[in-house]
Amino acid sequence: MKKKNKNKIQAVFLDRDGTINYDSGYTHKFSNFKFRPKVIDGLRFLSKKNFLIFIVTNQAGIAKGKFKLSDLNKLHMKLKEFLKKKNITVNEIQYCPYHPKAIIKKYQKITNLRKPGNLMIKNILKKWNVDLKRSFMLGDMPSDKLAAKRSNLYFEYVKSNFLQQVKKIEKKISNY
């Protein structure tokens, strides 16, 4: 029987739009960021269980000229501050501003950074000592599922009750 590596940490990898917030199309202001039901409770539960929390999100709105990178950075800063006040730490947010059909040429690129590629996840794994066997990803799109699969992460499509879902997953994977 293998011993659990005590130095490795459990983590949750989350898509953003459609998973933790309602996808209203190119969300780039915190005032328009509406959490899905029970997300804050679910994130608080994972925080109490000492999970690292990572967000990996495609943000094609930058490439398509819908908003600027500075808008995205402001939104993410406010999101992290808001959650911190709720005793939830988002350890890192990785985003992909690129899109093959970009209007803004410097963001026109085919890249493994964009899900279903898994470079955002790989970038996190280089910096953090994550226990993949006891970690998971939630998303709402097939591209999220494929990025998780390519990273050997357990994946589920997000359901209506985020708290109930993460509790079930945590119980399931904590035995690995």
Protein backbone atom coordinates (compact mmCIF):
# COMPACT_ATOMS: atom_id res chain seq x y z
CA MET A 1 0.00 0.00 0.00
CA LYS A 2 1.34 3.41 -1.02
CA LYS A 3 1.65 6.09 1.61
CA LYS A 4 -0.01 9.42 0.91
CA ASN A 5 2.52 12.12 0.20
CA LYS A 6 1.81 14.54 3.05
CA ASN A 7 3.65 17.35 1.26
CA LYS A 8 1.23 17.32 -1.66
CA ILE A 9 -1.89 19.42 -1.40
CA GLN A 10 -5.43 18.86 -2.64
CA ALA A 11 -6.71 21.42 -5.11
CA VAL A 12 -9.79 22.37 -7.04
CA PHE A 13 -9.48 23.76 -10.56
CA LEU A 14 -12.48 25.82 -11.60
CA ASP A 15 -13.62 27.24 -14.87
CA ARG A 16 -15.00 30.74 -14.31
CA ASP A 17 -17.91 31.80 -16.54
CA GLY A 18 -20.76 29.30 -16.31
CA THR A 19 -19.16 27.49 -13.38
CA ILE A 20 -18.65 29.90 -10.49
CA ASN A 21 -20.62 32.77 -12.01
CA TYR A 22 -23.45 33.02 -14.50
CA ASP A 23 -22.11 33.39 -18.03
CA SER A 24 -23.70 36.62 -19.19
CA GLY A 25 -21.28 36.99 -22.10
CA TYR A 26 -17.88 38.61 -21.72
CA THR A 27 -18.14 39.36 -18.00
CA HIS A 28 -15.42 41.92 -17.26
CA LYS A 29 -16.79 44.06 -14.42
CA PHE A 30 -17.27 42.84 -10.87
CA SER A 31 -20.62 44.66 -10.73
CA ASN A 32 -21.83 42.24 -13.45
CA PHE A 33 -20.29 39.17 -11.80
CA LYS A 34 -23.16 37.10 -10.38
CA PHE A 35 -22.22 33.98 -8.42
CA ARG A 36 -24.09 30.77 -9.16
CA PRO A 37 -26.05 29.27 -6.22
CA LYS A 38 -24.05 27.89 -3.30
CA VAL A 39 -20.67 28.67 -4.92
CA ILE A 40 -19.45 30.80 -2.01
CA ASP A 41 -20.56 28.12 0.47
CA GLY A 42 -18.82 25.45 -1.62
CA LEU A 43 -15.59 27.43 -1.85
CA ARG A 44 -15.68 28.08 1.90
CA PHE A 45 -16.13 24.32 2.50
CA LEU A 46 -13.12 23.53 0.28
CA SER A 47 -11.06 26.23 2.01
CA LYS A 48 -11.84 24.71 5.41
CA LYS A 49 -10.72 21.34 4.01
CA ASN A 50 -7.40 23.01 3.02
CA PHE A 51 -7.90 22.76 -0.73
CA LEU A 52 -5.96 25.13 -2.93
CA ILE A 53 -8.36 27.02 -5.19
CA PHE A 54 -7.40 27.75 -8.79
CA ILE A 55 -9.40 29.36 -11.57
CA VAL A 56 -8.54 28.55 -15.19
CA THR A 57 -10.52 30.58 -17.68
CA ASN A 58 -10.61 31.30 -21.40
CA GLN A 59 -11.19 35.02 -21.90
CA ALA A 60 -11.71 35.48 -25.64
CA GLY A 61 -13.39 38.83 -25.00
CA ILE A 62 -9.93 40.39 -24.86
CA ALA A 63 -9.00 38.99 -28.29
CA LYS A 64 -12.38 40.02 -29.68
CA GLY A 65 -12.06 43.61 -28.45
CA LYS A 66 -14.97 43.34 -26.00
CA PHE A 67 -12.83 44.44 -23.04
CA LYS A 68 -9.19 45.08 -22.14
CA LEU A 69 -6.69 43.00 -20.21
CA SER A 70 -6.69 45.72 -17.54
CA ASP A 71 -10.47 45.21 -17.11
CA LEU A 72 -9.93 41.49 -16.57
CA ASN A 73 -7.15 42.10 -14.05
CA LYS A 74 -9.38 44.54 -12.11
CA LEU A 75 -12.23 42.03 -12.07
CA HIS A 76 -9.97 39.24 -10.82
CA MET A 77 -8.45 41.49 -8.14
CA LYS A 78 -11.93 42.46 -6.89
CA LEU A 79 -13.08 38.83 -7.04
CA LYS A 80 -10.14 37.69 -4.90
CA GLU A 81 -10.69 40.57 -2.42
CA PHE A 82 -14.41 39.79 -2.16
CA LEU A 83 -13.77 36.10 -1.52
CA LYS A 84 -10.98 36.88 0.97
CA LYS A 85 -13.55 38.76 3.07
CA LYS A 86 -15.55 35.50 3.09
CA ASN A 87 -12.47 33.57 4.34
CA ILE A 88 -11.83 32.06 0.91
CA THR A 89 -8.42 32.31 -0.73
CA VAL A 90 -8.15 31.97 -4.49
CA ASN A 91 -4.54 30.85 -4.79
CA GLU A 92 -4.13 31.65 -8.47
CA ILE A 93 -6.09 32.65 -11.54
CA GLN A 94 -4.79 31.64 -14.95
CA TYR A 95 -6.48 33.04 -18.05
CA CYS A 96 -6.09 32.77 -21.80
CA PRO A 97 -6.66 36.02 -23.71
CA TYR A 98 -5.99 34.40 -27.11
CA HIS A 99 -8.42 33.26 -29.77
CA PRO A 100 -7.81 31.96 -33.32
CA LYS A 101 -10.37 34.45 -34.72
CA ALA A 102 -9.22 37.48 -32.74
CA ILE A 103 -9.97 40.98 -33.92
CA ILE A 104 -6.96 42.31 -32.01
CA LYS A 105 -4.02 40.80 -33.88
CA LYS A 106 -1.63 40.39 -30.94
CA TYR A 107 -4.19 38.02 -29.39
CA GLN A 108 -4.77 36.02 -32.58
CA LYS A 109 -3.11 32.73 -31.81
CA ILE A 110 -3.71 29.01 -31.61
CA THR A 111 -2.28 27.97 -28.27
CA ASN A 112 -2.38 25.13 -25.75
CA LEU A 113 -3.04 27.84 -23.14
CA ARG A 114 -6.63 27.99 -24.39
CA LYS A 115 -8.83 25.16 -23.15
CA PRO A 116 -9.20 22.38 -24.26
CA GLY A 117 -5.43 22.76 -24.06
CA ASN A 118 -4.05 22.26 -20.59
CA LEU A 119 -1.19 24.77 -20.38
CA MET A 120 -2.98 26.89 -17.76
CA ILE A 121 -3.23 23.82 -15.53
CA LYS A 122 0.38 22.82 -16.29
CA ASN A 123 1.56 26.33 -15.34
CA ILE A 124 -0.13 25.95 -11.96
CA LEU A 125 1.26 22.45 -11.43
CA LYS A 126 4.81 23.77 -12.01
CA LYS A 127 4.42 26.23 -9.12
CA TRP A 128 2.28 24.30 -6.65
CA ASN A 129 2.78 20.85 -5.11
CA VAL A 130 -0.66 19.52 -6.08
CA ASP A 131 -1.80 15.97 -5.37
CA LEU A 132 -3.57 15.20 -8.65
CA LYS A 133 -5.14 12.01 -7.32
CA ARG A 134 -6.91 13.96 -4.59
CA SER A 135 -7.78 17.02 -6.68
CA PHE A 136 -10.50 17.76 -9.20
CA MET A 137 -11.86 20.19 -11.76
CA LEU A 138 -15.35 21.58 -12.30
CA GLY A 139 -16.47 23.20 -15.52
CA ASP A 140 -19.46 23.66 -17.77
CA MET A 141 -18.01 22.96 -21.22
CA PRO A 142 -16.51 19.98 -23.05
CA SER A 143 -13.29 22.02 -23.38
CA ASP A 144 -13.02 22.06 -19.56
CA LYS A 145 -13.47 18.30 -19.43
CA LEU A 146 -10.78 17.74 -22.05
CA ALA A 147 -8.29 20.08 -20.32
CA ALA A 148 -8.86 18.14 -17.07
CA LYS A 149 -8.45 14.79 -18.82
CA ARG A 150 -5.19 15.93 -20.42
CA SER A 151 -3.97 16.86 -16.93
CA ASN A 152 -5.07 13.61 -15.25
CA LEU A 153 -7.60 15.48 -13.11
CA TYR A 154 -10.94 14.07 -12.01
CA PHE A 155 -13.64 16.16 -13.72
CA GLU A 156 -17.34 16.80 -13.30
CA TYR A 157 -19.68 19.17 -15.06
CA VAL A 158 -20.92 21.73 -12.55
CA LYS A 159 -24.39 21.04 -11.20
CA SER A 160 -27.05 23.30 -9.74
CA ASN A 161 -26.01 22.88 -6.08
CA PHE A 162 -22.28 23.66 -5.99
CA LEU A 163 -21.92 23.03 -2.24
CA GLN A 164 -23.56 19.61 -2.36
CA GLN A 165 -21.50 18.67 -5.42
CA VAL A 166 -18.10 19.60 -3.95
CA LYS A 167 -18.95 17.83 -0.68
CA LYS A 168 -19.65 14.60 -2.59
CA ILE A 169 -16.47 14.92 -4.66
CA GLU A 170 -14.34 15.73 -1.61
CA LYS A 171 -15.65 12.64 0.17
CA LYS A 172 -15.00 10.49 -2.89
CA ILE A 173 -11.42 11.65 -3.55
CA SER A 174 -10.30 11.98 0.07
CA ASN A 175 -10.01 8.20 0.21
CA TYR A 176 -7.38 8.06 -2.56
